[in-house]
Amino acid sequence: MGGAGMGRAGTPAFRWHLSNVQTWCSAALTDEDTCLDGLSSRAVDAGTRAAIRGKVVEVAQVTSNALALVNKVGPGY
């Protein structure tokens, strides 16, 4: 089902690509949790841990917003 584009809205190719985006966004959010869990079990100084946690949270917020937008598009197609 690959190809150069997503295809027209409502086509099987479009739905396939949309499903992939949902999967990737969901996986990225899961990875955020895993990353933060791993960070807490490592011997990392508090300042570095806080800086990394802040950046991971920022990325998670953007990813969550992207997933919400994709989910809004998804039901109609």
C-alpha atoms as a PDB file:
ATOM      1  CA  MET A   1       0.000   0.000   0.000  1.00  0.00           C
ATOM      2  CA  GLY A   2       2.992   2.340   0.092  1.00  0.00           C
ATOM      3  CA  GLY A   3       3.473   4.915  -2.569  1.00  0.00           C
ATOM      4  CA  ALA A   4       4.394   8.523  -2.933  1.00  0.00           C
ATOM      5  CA  GLY A   5       1.321  10.064  -1.339  1.00  0.00           C
ATOM      6  CA  MET A   6      -1.413   9.336   1.127  1.00  0.00           C
ATOM      7  CA  GLY A   7      -4.030   8.951  -1.556  1.00  0.00           C
ATOM      8  CA  ARG A   8      -7.358  10.669  -1.687  1.00  0.00           C
ATOM      9  CA  ALA A   9      -9.398  11.007   1.461  1.00  0.00           C
ATOM     10  CA  GLY A  10     -11.617   7.999   1.979  1.00  0.00           C
ATOM     11  CA  THR A  11      -9.545   5.605  -0.102  1.00  0.00           C
ATOM     12  CA  PRO A  12      -7.996   2.469   1.364  1.00  0.00           C
ATOM     13  CA  ALA A  13      -4.524   3.987   0.876  1.00  0.00           C
ATOM     14  CA  PHE A  14      -5.495   7.084   2.855  1.00  0.00           C
ATOM     15  CA  ARG A  15      -6.971   5.011   5.689  1.00  0.00           C
ATOM     16  CA  TRP A  16      -3.852   2.825   5.734  1.00  0.00           C
ATOM     17  CA  HIS A  17      -1.546   5.841   6.038  1.00  0.00           C
ATOM     18  CA  LEU A  18      -3.776   7.444   8.648  1.00  0.00           C
ATOM     19  CA  SER A  19      -3.663   4.243  10.687  1.00  0.00           C
ATOM     20  CA  ASN A  20       0.137   4.262  10.470  1.00  0.00           C
ATOM     21  CA  VAL A  21       0.304   7.839  11.754  1.00  0.00           C
ATOM     22  CA  GLN A  22      -1.944   6.898  14.676  1.00  0.00           C
ATOM     23  CA  THR A  23       0.299   3.942  15.458  1.00  0.00           C
ATOM     24  CA  TRP A  24       3.491   6.015  15.271  1.00  0.00           C
ATOM     25  CA  CYS A  25       2.100   8.756  17.510  1.00  0.00           C
ATOM     26  CA  SER A  26       0.833   6.240  20.049  1.00  0.00           C
ATOM     27  CA  ALA A  27       4.181   4.454  20.058  1.00  0.00           C
ATOM     28  CA  ALA A  28       6.010   7.749  20.569  1.00  0.00           C
ATOM     29  CA  LEU A  29       3.863   8.475  23.626  1.00  0.00           C
ATOM     30  CA  THR A  30       4.618   5.019  25.014  1.00  0.00           C
ATOM     31  CA  ASP A  31       8.327   5.583  24.397  1.00  0.00           C
ATOM     32  CA  GLU A  32       8.095   8.825  26.386  1.00  0.00           C
ATOM     33  CA  ASP A  33       6.891   6.891  29.425  1.00  0.00           C
ATOM     34  CA  THR A  34       9.579   4.255  28.954  1.00  0.00           C
ATOM     35  CA  CYS A  35      12.276   6.908  28.609  1.00  0.00           C
ATOM     36  CA  LEU A  36      11.223   8.694  31.777  1.00  0.00           C
ATOM     37  CA  ASP A  37      10.990   5.399  33.669  1.00  0.00           C
ATOM     38  CA  GLY A  38      14.511   4.498  32.581  1.00  0.00           C
ATOM     39  CA  LEU A  39      15.808   7.915  33.493  1.00  0.00           C
ATOM     40  CA  SER A  40      14.606   7.594  37.068  1.00  0.00           C
ATOM     41  CA  SER A  41      16.512   4.356  37.538  1.00  0.00           C
ATOM     42  CA  ARG A  42      19.834   5.755  36.304  1.00  0.00           C
ATOM     43  CA  ALA A  43      22.502   7.583  38.244  1.00  0.00           C
ATOM     44  CA  VAL A  44      21.896  10.964  36.600  1.00  0.00           C
ATOM     45  CA  ASP A  45      22.252  14.203  38.509  1.00  0.00           C
ATOM     46  CA  ALA A  46      19.021  16.028  39.339  1.00  0.00           C
ATOM     47  CA  GLY A  47      19.673  19.006  37.041  1.00  0.00           C
ATOM     48  CA  THR A  48      20.302  16.840  34.006  1.00  0.00           C
ATOM     49  CA  ARG A  49      17.318  14.643  34.834  1.00  0.00           C
ATOM     50  CA  ALA A  50      15.050  17.705  35.110  1.00  0.00           C
ATOM     51  CA  ALA A  51      16.305  19.133  31.804  1.00  0.00           C
ATOM     52  CA  ILE A  52      15.759  15.854  29.971  1.00  0.00           C
ATOM     53  CA  ARG A  53      12.356  15.357  31.578  1.00  0.00           C
ATOM     54  CA  GLY A  54      11.305  18.858  30.504  1.00  0.00           C
ATOM     55  CA  LYS A  55      12.240  18.228  26.873  1.00  0.00           C
ATOM     56  CA  VAL A  56      10.596  14.808  26.838  1.00  0.00           C
ATOM     57  CA  VAL A  57       7.394  16.316  28.244  1.00  0.00           C
ATOM     58  CA  GLU A  58       7.431  19.049  25.563  1.00  0.00           C
ATOM     59  CA  VAL A  59       7.777  16.457  22.808  1.00  0.00           C
ATOM     60  CA  ALA A  60       5.040  14.335  24.380  1.00  0.00           C
ATOM     61  CA  GLN A  61       2.663  17.311  24.416  1.00  0.00           C
ATOM     62  CA  VAL A  62       3.257  18.015  20.731  1.00  0.00           C
ATOM     63  CA  THR A  63       2.897  14.318  19.909  1.00  0.00           C
ATOM     64  CA  SER A  64      -0.321  14.119  21.896  1.00  0.00           C
ATOM     65  CA  ASN A  65      -1.691  17.120  20.000  1.00  0.00           C
ATOM     66  CA  ALA A  66      -0.744  15.496  16.697  1.00  0.00           C
ATOM     67  CA  LEU A  67      -2.491  12.279  17.702  1.00  0.00           C
ATOM     68  CA  ALA A  68      -5.606  14.216  18.708  1.00  0.00           C
ATOM     69  CA  LEU A  69      -5.692  15.921  15.298  1.00  0.00           C
ATOM     70  CA  VAL A  70      -5.214  12.636  13.466  1.00  0.00           C
ATOM     71  CA  ASN A  71      -7.961  11.042  15.554  1.00  0.00           C
ATOM     72  CA  LYS A  72     -10.298  13.916  14.611  1.00  0.00           C
ATOM     73  CA  VAL A  73      -9.652  13.237  10.921  1.00  0.00           C
ATOM     74  CA  GLY A  74      -9.796   9.460  11.263  1.00  0.00           C
ATOM     75  CA  PRO A  75     -13.465   8.745  12.003  1.00  0.00           C
ATOM     76  CA  GLY A  76     -14.673  10.498   8.855  1.00  0.00           C
ATOM     77  CA  TYR A  77     -12.376   8.524   6.594  1.00  0.00           C
END
